[in-house]
PDB file of N, CA and C in Angstrom:
ATOM      1  N   MET A   1       0.829  -1.175   0.000  1.00  0.00           N
ATOM      2  CA  MET A   1       0.000   0.000   0.000  1.00  0.00           C
ATOM      3  C   MET A   1       0.883   1.250   0.000  1.00  0.00           C
ATOM      4  N   ALA A   2       1.938   1.221   0.783  1.00  0.00           N
ATOM      5  CA  ALA A   2       2.839   2.369   0.843  1.00  0.00           C
ATOM      6  C   ALA A   2       3.476   2.618  -0.518  1.00  0.00           C
ATOM      7  N   HIS A   3       3.911   1.560  -1.173  1.00  0.00           N
ATOM      8  CA  HIS A   3       4.529   1.691  -2.489  1.00  0.00           C
ATOM      9  C   HIS A   3       3.538   2.293  -3.482  1.00  0.00           C
ATOM     10  N   HIS A   4       2.306   1.831  -3.437  1.00  0.00           N
ATOM     11  CA  HIS A   4       1.259   2.332  -4.326  1.00  0.00           C
ATOM     12  C   HIS A   4       1.008   3.827  -4.099  1.00  0.00           C
ATOM     13  N   CYS A   5       1.111   4.265  -2.856  1.00  0.00           N
ATOM     14  CA  CYS A   5       0.888   5.675  -2.506  1.00  0.00           C
ATOM     15  C   CYS A   5       2.119   6.536  -2.744  1.00  0.00           C
ATOM     16  N   GLY A   6       3.258   5.910  -2.974  1.00  0.00           N
ATOM     17  CA  GLY A   6       4.489   6.666  -3.171  1.00  0.00           C
ATOM     18  C   GLY A   6       5.059   7.207  -1.871  1.00  0.00           C
ATOM     19  N   ALA A   7       4.812   6.500  -0.777  1.00  0.00           N
ATOM     20  CA  ALA A   7       5.311   6.932   0.540  1.00  0.00           C
ATOM     21  C   ALA A   7       6.041   5.763   1.188  1.00  0.00           C
ATOM     22  N   SER A   8       6.840   6.093   2.172  1.00  0.00           N
ATOM     23  CA  SER A   8       7.493   5.023   2.921  1.00  0.00           C
ATOM     24  C   SER A   8       6.454   4.394   3.857  1.00  0.00           C
ATOM     25  N   GLU A   9       6.733   3.189   4.280  1.00  0.00           N
ATOM     26  CA  GLU A   9       5.806   2.516   5.195  1.00  0.00           C
ATOM     27  C   GLU A   9       5.633   3.318   6.479  1.00  0.00           C
ATOM     28  N   ARG A  10       6.721   3.813   6.987  1.00  0.00           N
ATOM     29  CA  ARG A  10       6.676   4.580   8.235  1.00  0.00           C
ATOM     30  C   ARG A  10       5.847   5.855   8.062  1.00  0.00           C
ATOM     31  N   ASN A  11       6.065   6.566   6.957  1.00  0.00           N
ATOM     32  CA  ASN A  11       5.322   7.798   6.712  1.00  0.00           C
ATOM     33  C   ASN A  11       3.825   7.501   6.542  1.00  0.00           C
ATOM     34  N   LEU A  12       3.514   6.440   5.807  1.00  0.00           N
ATOM     35  CA  LEU A  12       2.111   6.058   5.632  1.00  0.00           C
ATOM     36  C   LEU A  12       1.468   5.735   6.973  1.00  0.00           C
ATOM     37  N   TYR A  13       2.185   5.007   7.803  1.00  0.00           N
ATOM     38  CA  TYR A  13       1.691   4.656   9.127  1.00  0.00           C
ATOM     39  C   TYR A  13       1.321   5.921   9.907  1.00  0.00           C
ATOM     40  N   TYR A  14       2.240   6.881   9.976  1.00  0.00           N
ATOM     41  CA  TYR A  14       1.987   8.101  10.748  1.00  0.00           C
ATOM     42  C   TYR A  14       0.896   8.973  10.129  1.00  0.00           C
ATOM     43  N   LEU A  15       0.866   9.048   8.795  1.00  0.00           N
ATOM     44  CA  LEU A  15      -0.175   9.842   8.137  1.00  0.00           C
ATOM     45  C   LEU A  15      -1.558   9.251   8.382  1.00  0.00           C
ATOM     46  N   MET A  16      -1.672   7.944   8.230  1.00  0.00           N
ATOM     47  CA  MET A  16      -2.978   7.306   8.467  1.00  0.00           C
ATOM     48  C   MET A  16      -3.400   7.443   9.914  1.00  0.00           C
ATOM     49  N   LYS A  17      -2.466   7.260  10.814  1.00  0.00           N
ATOM     50  CA  LYS A  17      -2.777   7.374  12.232  1.00  0.00           C
ATOM     51  C   LYS A  17      -3.253   8.794  12.557  1.00  0.00           C
ATOM     52  N   ARG A  18      -2.594   9.775  11.981  1.00  0.00           N
ATOM     53  CA  ARG A  18      -2.959  11.166  12.237  1.00  0.00           C
ATOM     54  C   ARG A  18      -4.311  11.522  11.611  1.00  0.00           C
ATOM     55  N   GLU A  19      -4.550  11.076  10.384  1.00  0.00           N
ATOM     56  CA  GLU A  19      -5.761  11.470   9.666  1.00  0.00           C
ATOM     57  C   GLU A  19      -6.994  10.664  10.046  1.00  0.00           C
ATOM     58  N   THR A  20      -6.822   9.379  10.322  1.00  0.00           N
ATOM     59  CA  THR A  20      -7.982   8.517  10.589  1.00  0.00           C
ATOM     60  C   THR A  20      -8.068   8.045  12.034  1.00  0.00           C
ATOM     61  N   GLY A  21      -6.974   8.193  12.776  1.00  0.00           N
ATOM     62  CA  GLY A  21      -6.946   7.674  14.132  1.00  0.00           C
ATOM     63  C   GLY A  21      -6.677   6.178  14.180  1.00  0.00           C
ATOM     64  N   MET A  22      -6.428   5.573  13.007  1.00  0.00           N
ATOM     65  CA  MET A  22      -6.175   4.136  12.918  1.00  0.00           C
ATOM     66  C   MET A  22      -4.874   3.890  12.178  1.00  0.00           C
ATOM     67  N   THR A  23      -4.204   2.835  12.572  1.00  0.00           N
ATOM     68  CA  THR A  23      -3.032   2.404  11.829  1.00  0.00           C
ATOM     69  C   THR A  23      -3.510   1.725  10.546  1.00  0.00           C
ATOM     70  N   PRO A  24      -2.631   1.567   9.560  1.00  0.00           N
ATOM     71  CA  PRO A  24      -3.049   0.869   8.344  1.00  0.00           C
ATOM     72  C   PRO A  24      -3.600  -0.528   8.627  1.00  0.00           C
ATOM     73  N   TYR A  25      -2.978  -1.253   9.561  1.00  0.00           N
ATOM     74  CA  TYR A  25      -3.466  -2.598   9.874  1.00  0.00           C
ATOM     75  C   TYR A  25      -4.858  -2.553  10.495  1.00  0.00           C
ATOM     76  N   ARG A  26      -5.093  -1.624  11.427  1.00  0.00           N
ATOM     77  CA  ARG A  26      -6.425  -1.508  12.050  1.00  0.00           C
ATOM     78  C   ARG A  26      -7.474  -1.136  11.004  1.00  0.00           C
ATOM     79  N   PHE A  27      -7.101  -0.291  10.057  1.00  0.00           N
ATOM     80  CA  PHE A  27      -8.011   0.080   8.978  1.00  0.00           C
ATOM     81  C   PHE A  27      -8.360  -1.153   8.151  1.00  0.00           C
ATOM     82  N   TYR A  28      -7.348  -1.930   7.778  1.00  0.00           N
ATOM     83  CA  TYR A  28      -7.551  -3.166   7.028  1.00  0.00           C
ATOM     84  C   TYR A  28      -8.414  -4.148   7.818  1.00  0.00           C
ATOM     85  N   GLN A  29      -8.131  -4.264   9.108  1.00  0.00           N
ATOM     86  CA  GLN A  29      -8.891  -5.158   9.978  1.00  0.00           C
ATOM     87  C   GLN A  29     -10.359  -4.723  10.034  1.00  0.00           C
ATOM     88  N   ARG A  30     -10.587  -3.437  10.163  1.00  0.00           N
ATOM     89  CA  ARG A  30     -11.952  -2.905  10.205  1.00  0.00           C
ATOM     90  C   ARG A  30     -12.689  -3.188   8.897  1.00  0.00           C
ATOM     91  N   CYS A  31     -12.014  -3.039   7.777  1.00  0.00           N
ATOM     92  CA  CYS A  31     -12.631  -3.349   6.484  1.00  0.00           C
ATOM     93  C   CYS A  31     -13.054  -4.815   6.423  1.00  0.00           C
ATOM     94  N   ARG A  32     -12.208  -5.702   6.933  1.00  0.00           N
ATOM     95  CA  ARG A  32     -12.546  -7.129   6.957  1.00  0.00           C
ATOM     96  C   ARG A  32     -13.745  -7.385   7.858  1.00  0.00           C
ATOM     97  N   LEU A  33     -13.788  -6.730   9.020  1.00  0.00           N
ATOM     98  CA  LEU A  33     -14.922  -6.887   9.940  1.00  0.00           C
ATOM     99  C   LEU A  33     -16.213  -6.390   9.293  1.00  0.00           C
ATOM    100  N   ILE A  34     -16.136  -5.288   8.594  1.00  0.00           N
ATOM    101  CA  ILE A  34     -17.314  -4.736   7.919  1.00  0.00           C
ATOM    102  C   ILE A  34     -17.825  -5.704   6.861  1.00  0.00           C
ATOM    103  N   ARG A  35     -16.910  -6.348   6.138  1.00  0.00           N
ATOM    104  CA  ARG A  35     -17.330  -7.328   5.125  1.00  0.00           C
ATOM    105  C   ARG A  35     -18.023  -8.527   5.764  1.00  0.00           C
ATOM    106  N   VAL A  36     -17.519  -8.994   6.916  1.00  0.00           N
ATOM    107  CA  VAL A  36     -18.169 -10.107   7.616  1.00  0.00           C
ATOM    108  C   VAL A  36     -19.559  -9.674   8.066  1.00  0.00           C
ATOM    109  N   ARG A  37     -19.675  -8.489   8.658  1.00  0.00           N
ATOM    110  CA  ARG A  37     -20.981  -8.000   9.127  1.00  0.00           C
ATOM    111  C   ARG A  37     -21.969  -7.892   7.966  1.00  0.00           C
ATOM    112  N   LYS A  38     -21.516  -7.375   6.845  1.00  0.00           N
ATOM    113  CA  LYS A  38     -22.392  -7.253   5.678  1.00  0.00           C
ATOM    114  C   LYS A  38     -22.898  -8.618   5.237  1.00  0.00           C
ATOM    115  N   ARG A  39     -22.016  -9.599   5.231  1.00  0.00           N
ATOM    116  CA  ARG A  39     -22.440 -10.949   4.851  1.00  0.00           C
ATOM    117  C   ARG A  39     -23.443 -11.518   5.854  1.00  0.00           C
ATOM    118  N   LEU A  40     -23.227 -11.256   7.151  1.00  0.00           N
ATOM    119  CA  LEU A  40     -24.161 -11.750   8.167  1.00  0.00           C
ATOM    120  C   LEU A  40     -25.537 -11.103   8.011  1.00  0.00           C
ATOM    121  N   VAL A  41     -25.552  -9.828   7.722  1.00  0.00           N
ATOM    122  CA  VAL A  41     -26.826  -9.108   7.603  1.00  0.00           C
ATOM    123  C   VAL A  41     -27.535  -9.465   6.301  1.00  0.00           C
ATOM    124  N   ASP A  42     -26.786  -9.630   5.221  1.00  0.00           N
ATOM    125  CA  ASP A  42     -27.381  -9.888   3.909  1.00  0.00           C
ATOM    126  C   ASP A  42     -27.671 -11.357   3.634  1.00  0.00           C
ATOM    127  N   CYS A  43     -27.233 -12.235   4.505  1.00  0.00           N
ATOM    128  CA  CYS A  43     -27.388 -13.676   4.287  1.00  0.00           C
ATOM    129  C   CYS A  43     -28.862 -14.055   4.170  1.00  0.00           C
ATOM    130  N   LYS A  44     -29.177 -14.859   3.177  1.00  0.00           N
ATOM    131  CA  LYS A  44     -30.555 -15.323   2.973  1.00  0.00           C
ATOM    132  C   LYS A  44     -30.812 -16.686   3.616  1.00  0.00           C
ATOM    133  N   CYS A  45     -29.766 -17.311   4.146  1.00  0.00           N
ATOM    134  CA  CYS A  45     -29.930 -18.635   4.748  1.00  0.00           C
ATOM    135  C   CYS A  45     -30.508 -18.519   6.162  1.00  0.00           C
ATOM    136  N   ASP A  46     -31.040 -19.612   6.678  1.00  0.00           N
ATOM    137  CA  ASP A  46     -31.630 -19.617   8.015  1.00  0.00           C
ATOM    138  C   ASP A  46     -30.585 -19.401   9.097  1.00  0.00           C
ATOM    139  N   VAL A  47     -29.477 -20.111   8.983  1.00  0.00           N
ATOM    140  CA  VAL A  47     -28.423 -20.013   9.996  1.00  0.00           C
ATOM    141  C   VAL A  47     -27.102 -19.708   9.291  1.00  0.00           C
ATOM    142  N   PRO A  48     -26.677 -18.439   9.292  1.00  0.00           N
ATOM    143  CA  PRO A  48     -25.390 -18.115   8.666  1.00  0.00           C
ATOM    144  C   PRO A  48     -24.230 -18.716   9.449  1.00  0.00           C
ATOM    145  N   HIS A  49     -23.227 -19.126   8.756  1.00  0.00           N
ATOM    146  CA  HIS A  49     -22.054 -19.735   9.382  1.00  0.00           C
ATOM    147  C   HIS A  49     -21.015 -18.655   9.666  1.00  0.00           C
ATOM    148  N   ILE A  50     -21.078 -18.118  10.851  1.00  0.00           N
ATOM    149  CA  ILE A  50     -20.199 -17.026  11.253  1.00  0.00           C
ATOM    150  C   ILE A  50     -18.741 -17.422  11.075  1.00  0.00           C
ATOM    151  N   SER A  51     -18.405 -18.622  11.482  1.00  0.00           N
ATOM    152  CA  SER A  51     -17.007 -19.058  11.401  1.00  0.00           C
ATOM    153  C   SER A  51     -16.524 -19.120   9.955  1.00  0.00           C
ATOM    154  N   TRP A  52     -17.396 -19.501   9.024  1.00  0.00           N
ATOM    155  CA  TRP A  52     -17.005 -19.547   7.619  1.00  0.00           C
ATOM    156  C   TRP A  52     -16.712 -18.147   7.104  1.00  0.00           C
ATOM    157  N   TYR A  53     -17.593 -17.213   7.430  1.00  0.00           N
ATOM    158  CA  TYR A  53     -17.409 -15.841   6.961  1.00  0.00           C
ATOM    159  C   TYR A  53     -16.142 -15.233   7.558  1.00  0.00           C
ATOM    160  N   ALA A  54     -15.906 -15.490   8.836  1.00  0.00           N
ATOM    161  CA  ALA A  54     -14.703 -14.967   9.495  1.00  0.00           C
ATOM    162  C   ALA A  54     -13.451 -15.563   8.845  1.00  0.00           C
ATOM    163  N   ALA A  55     -13.465 -16.863   8.602  1.00  0.00           N
ATOM    164  CA  ALA A  55     -12.315 -17.516   7.981  1.00  0.00           C
ATOM    165  C   ALA A  55     -12.090 -16.995   6.562  1.00  0.00           C
ATOM    166  N   ASP A  56     -13.166 -16.751   5.818  1.00  0.00           N
ATOM    167  CA  ASP A  56     -13.037 -16.211   4.461  1.00  0.00           C
ATOM    168  C   ASP A  56     -12.322 -14.857   4.456  1.00  0.00           C
ATOM    169  N   GLU A  57     -12.479 -14.107   5.529  1.00  0.00           N
ATOM    170  CA  GLU A  57     -11.837 -12.792   5.616  1.00  0.00           C
ATOM    171  C   GLU A  57     -10.487 -12.841   6.339  1.00  0.00           C
ATOM    172  N   GLY A  58     -10.024 -14.045   6.647  1.00  0.00           N
ATOM    173  CA  GLY A  58      -8.682 -14.190   7.194  1.00  0.00           C
ATOM    174  C   GLY A  58      -8.587 -14.222   8.706  1.00  0.00           C
ATOM    175  N   PHE A  59      -9.701 -14.329   9.396  1.00  0.00           N
ATOM    176  CA  PHE A  59      -9.668 -14.438  10.857  1.00  0.00           C
ATOM    177  C   PHE A  59      -9.539 -15.912  11.205  1.00  0.00           C
ATOM    178  N   SER A  60      -8.423 -16.282  11.796  1.00  0.00           N
ATOM    179  CA  SER A  60      -8.185 -17.690  12.095  1.00  0.00           C
ATOM    180  C   SER A  60      -8.545 -18.060  13.532  1.00  0.00           C
ATOM    181  N   HIS A  61      -8.568 -17.107  14.421  1.00  0.00           N
ATOM    182  CA  HIS A  61      -8.897 -17.367  15.823  1.00  0.00           C
ATOM    183  C   HIS A  61     -10.274 -16.779  16.109  1.00  0.00           C
ATOM    184  N   LEU A  62     -11.275 -17.655  16.255  1.00  0.00           N
ATOM    185  CA  LEU A  62     -12.661 -17.187  16.361  1.00  0.00           C
ATOM    186  C   LEU A  62     -12.926 -16.388  17.629  1.00  0.00           C
ATOM    187  N   GLY A  63     -12.258 -16.737  18.723  1.00  0.00           N
ATOM    188  CA  GLY A  63     -12.444 -15.970  19.956  1.00  0.00           C
ATOM    189  C   GLY A  63     -11.942 -14.545  19.801  1.00  0.00           C
ATOM    190  N   ARG A  64     -10.796 -14.397  19.158  1.00  0.00           N
ATOM    191  CA  ARG A  64     -10.252 -13.057  18.916  1.00  0.00           C
ATOM    192  C   ARG A  64     -11.130 -12.297  17.928  1.00  0.00           C
ATOM    193  N   PHE A  65     -11.635 -13.003  16.911  1.00  0.00           N
ATOM    194  CA  PHE A  65     -12.544 -12.383  15.944  1.00  0.00           C
ATOM    195  C   PHE A  65     -13.780 -11.833  16.646  1.00  0.00           C
ATOM    196  N   ALA A  66     -14.392 -12.635  17.514  1.00  0.00           N
ATOM    197  CA  ALA A  66     -15.598 -12.204  18.225  1.00  0.00           C
ATOM    198  C   ALA A  66     -15.314 -10.983  19.093  1.00  0.00           C
ATOM    199  N   ALA A  67     -14.158 -10.960  19.737  1.00  0.00           N
ATOM    200  CA  ALA A  67     -13.786  -9.812  20.577  1.00  0.00           C
ATOM    201  C   ALA A  67     -13.595  -8.555  19.731  1.00  0.00           C
ATOM    202  N   LEU A  68     -12.939  -8.679  18.592  1.00  0.00           N
ATOM    203  CA  LEU A  68     -12.758  -7.535  17.693  1.00  0.00           C
ATOM    204  C   LEU A  68     -14.095  -7.052  17.143  1.00  0.00           C
ATOM    205  N   TYR A  69     -14.948  -7.991  16.788  1.00  0.00           N
ATOM    206  CA  TYR A  69     -16.272  -7.655  16.259  1.00  0.00           C
ATOM    207  C   TYR A  69     -17.058  -6.854  17.298  1.00  0.00           C
ATOM    208  N   ARG A  70     -17.041  -7.323  18.528  1.00  0.00           N
ATOM    209  CA  ARG A  70     -17.739  -6.610  19.608  1.00  0.00           C
ATOM    210  C   ARG A  70     -17.131  -5.223  19.832  1.00  0.00           C
ATOM    211  N   GLU A  71     -15.821  -5.139  19.777  1.00  0.00           N
ATOM    212  CA  GLU A  71     -15.137  -3.855  19.958  1.00  0.00           C
ATOM    213  C   GLU A  71     -15.567  -2.848  18.881  1.00  0.00           C
ATOM    214  N   HIS A  72     -15.706  -3.310  17.660  1.00  0.00           N
ATOM    215  CA  HIS A  72     -16.048  -2.423  16.548  1.00  0.00           C
ATOM    216  C   HIS A  72     -17.533  -2.123  16.443  1.00  0.00           C
ATOM    217  N   PHE A  73     -18.398  -3.110  16.714  1.00  0.00           N
ATOM    218  CA  PHE A  73     -19.828  -2.945  16.476  1.00  0.00           C
ATOM    219  C   PHE A  73     -20.681  -2.921  17.736  1.00  0.00           C
ATOM    220  N   GLY A  74     -20.086  -3.198  18.885  1.00  0.00           N
ATOM    221  CA  GLY A  74     -20.834  -3.141  20.133  1.00  0.00           C
ATOM    222  C   GLY A  74     -21.719  -4.344  20.385  1.00  0.00           C
ATOM    223  N   GLU A  75     -21.557  -5.390  19.610  1.00  0.00           N
ATOM    224  CA  GLU A  75     -22.308  -6.628  19.806  1.00  0.00           C
ATOM    225  C   GLU A  75     -21.509  -7.788  19.233  1.00  0.00           C
ATOM    226  N   LEU A  76     -21.835  -8.969  19.685  1.00  0.00           N
ATOM    227  CA  LEU A  76     -21.182 -10.167  19.163  1.00  0.00           C
ATOM    228  C   LEU A  76     -21.769 -10.519  17.797  1.00  0.00           C
ATOM    229  N   PRO A  77     -21.043 -11.271  16.976  1.00  0.00           N
ATOM    230  CA  PRO A  77     -21.589 -11.689  15.686  1.00  0.00           C
ATOM    231  C   PRO A  77     -22.904 -12.469  15.841  1.00  0.00           C
ATOM    232  N   SER A  78     -23.001 -13.278  16.868  1.00  0.00           N
ATOM    233  CA  SER A  78     -24.237 -14.044  17.086  1.00  0.00           C
ATOM    234  C   SER A  78     -25.412 -13.117  17.390  1.00  0.00           C
ATOM    235  N   GLU A  79     -25.161 -11.992  18.040  1.00  0.00           N
ATOM    236  CA  GLU A  79     -26.226 -11.024  18.308  1.00  0.00           C
ATOM    237  C   GLU A  79     -26.682 -10.344  17.020  1.00  0.00           C
ATOM    238  N   THR A  80     -25.758 -10.118  16.107  1.00  0.00           N
ATOM    239  CA  THR A  80     -26.128  -9.575  14.794  1.00  0.00           C
ATOM    240  C   THR A  80     -27.051 -10.545  14.078  1.00  0.00           C
ATOM    241  N   VAL A  81     -26.703 -11.819  14.131  1.00  0.00           N
ATOM    242  CA  VAL A  81     -27.526 -12.848  13.486  1.00  0.00           C
ATOM    243  C   VAL A  81     -28.906 -12.896  14.139  1.00  0.00           C
ATOM    244  N   GLN A  82     -28.981 -12.767  15.453  1.00  0.00           N
ATOM    245  CA  GLN A  82     -30.263 -12.814  16.152  1.00  0.00           C
ATOM    246  C   GLN A  82     -31.169 -11.666  15.752  1.00  0.00           C
ATOM    247  N   TRP A  83     -30.646 -10.427  15.710  1.00  0.00           N
ATOM    248  CA  TRP A  83     -31.533  -9.324  15.340  1.00  0.00           C
ATOM    249  C   TRP A  83     -31.913  -9.384  13.871  1.00  0.00           C
ATOM    250  N   ARG A  84     -31.009  -9.907  13.029  1.00  0.00           N
ATOM    251  CA  ARG A  84     -31.364 -10.088  11.617  1.00  0.00           C
ATOM    252  C   ARG A  84     -32.502 -11.096  11.480  1.00  0.00           C
ATOM    253  N   ARG A  85     -32.432 -12.169  12.255  1.00  0.00           N
ATOM    254  CA  ARG A  85     -33.477 -13.195  12.215  1.00  0.00           C
ATOM    255  C   ARG A  85     -34.806 -12.619  12.704  1.00  0.00           C
ATOM    256  N   ARG A  86     -34.778 -11.812  13.785  1.00  0.00           N
ATOM    257  CA  ARG A  86     -36.005 -11.185  14.281  1.00  0.00           C
ATOM    258  C   ARG A  86     -36.624 -10.269  13.224  1.00  0.00           C
ATOM    259  N   LEU A  87     -35.786  -9.493  12.557  1.00  0.00           N
ATOM    260  CA  LEU A  87     -36.295  -8.612  11.499  1.00  0.00           C
ATOM    261  C   LEU A  87     -36.929  -9.409  10.365  1.00  0.00           C
ATOM    262  N   GLN A  88     -36.318 -10.504   9.982  1.00  0.00           N
ATOM    263  CA  GLN A  88     -36.882 -11.353   8.934  1.00  0.00           C
ATOM    264  C   GLN A  88     -38.229 -11.915   9.360  1.00  0.00           C
ATOM    265  N   GLN A  89     -38.326 -12.386  10.601  1.00  0.00           N
ATOM    266  CA  GLN A  89     -39.585 -12.950  11.090  1.00  0.00           C
ATOM    267  C   GLN A  89     -40.673 -11.888  11.146  1.00  0.00           C
ATOM    268  N   GLU A  90     -40.309 -10.692  11.579  1.00  0.00           N
ATOM    269  CA  GLU A  90     -41.287  -9.608  11.643  1.00  0.00           C
ATOM    270  C   GLU A  90     -41.752  -9.212  10.251  1.00  0.00           C
ATOM    271  N   SER A  91     -40.839  -9.187   9.289  1.00  0.00           N
ATOM    272  CA  SER A  91     -41.241  -8.810   7.932  1.00  0.00           C
ATOM    273  C   SER A  91     -42.113  -9.884   7.296  1.00  0.00           C
ATOM    274  N   LEU A  92     -41.923 -11.143   7.676  1.00  0.00           N
ATOM    275  CA  LEU A  92     -42.786 -12.210   7.176  1.00  0.00           C
ATOM    276  C   LEU A  92     -44.150 -12.182   7.852  1.00  0.00           C
ATOM    277  N   ALA A  93     -44.184 -11.781   9.105  1.00  0.00           N
ATOM    278  CA  ALA A  93     -45.443 -11.750   9.844  1.00  0.00           C
ATOM    279  C   ALA A  93     -46.284 -10.525   9.499  1.00  0.00           C
ATOM    280  N   GLU A  94     -45.679  -9.472   9.003  1.00  0.00           N
ATOM    281  CA  GLU A  94     -46.391  -8.228   8.711  1.00  0.00           C
ATOM    282  C   GLU A  94     -47.518  -8.413   7.690  1.00  0.00           C
ATOM    283  N   PRO A  95     -47.318  -9.079   6.557  1.00  0.00           N
ATOM    284  CA  PRO A  95     -48.426  -9.278   5.614  1.00  0.00           C
ATOM    285  C   PRO A  95     -49.592 -10.060   6.236  1.00  0.00           C
ATOM    286  N   ALA A  96     -49.265 -11.014   7.107  1.00  0.00           N
ATOM    287  CA  ALA A  96     -50.322 -11.783   7.763  1.00  0.00           C
ATOM    288  C   ALA A  96     -51.140 -10.888   8.693  1.00  0.00           C
ATOM    289  N   ARG A  97     -50.460  -9.995   9.394  1.00  0.00           N
ATOM    290  CA  ARG A  97     -51.175  -9.045  10.283  1.00  0.00           C
ATOM    291  C   ARG A  97     -52.053  -8.113   9.462  1.00  0.00           C
ATOM    292  N   ARG A  98     -51.569  -7.653   8.340  1.00  0.00           N
ATOM    293  CA  ARG A  98     -52.362  -6.744   7.501  1.00  0.00           C
ATOM    294  C   ARG A  98     -53.590  -7.460   6.944  1.00  0.00           C
ATOM    295  N   ALA A  99     -53.435  -8.735   6.608  1.00  0.00           N
ATOM    296  CA  ALA A  99     -54.548  -9.495   6.059  1.00  0.00           C
ATOM    297  C   ALA A  99     -55.643  -9.689   7.107  1.00  0.00           C
ATOM    298  N   MET A 100     -55.273  -9.731   8.376  1.00  0.00           N
ATOM    299  CA  MET A 100     -56.255  -9.934   9.431  1.00  0.00           C
ATOM    300  C   MET A 100     -57.078  -8.677   9.687  1.00  0.00           C
ATOM    301  N   ILE A 101     -56.567  -7.529   9.307  1.00  0.00           N
ATOM    302  CA  ILE A 101     -57.257  -6.261   9.586  1.00  0.00           C
ATOM    303  C   ILE A 101     -58.303  -5.970   8.556  1.00  0.00           C
TER     304      ILE A 101
END
């Protein structure tokens, strides 16, 4: 990334830290976490495989992944799946409620 930007690694590190408050690695890590969250939210299956999505993004230690996920989003990946499931159930139940009225 530094080579692509035409800067030294050290300079890129300090510039990113100053401008974004994150190191290049933390920025990359956050991007990976966001991709996992997007997959969890957009999943059409009944039970998304959190571990598969985490592994696809390069997280090899699931306990550390869950801790990072909570740090970034304020909830565990399983909690994201739970609220997504509740929203799906509510959206399926809504037409039935309207039909009863």
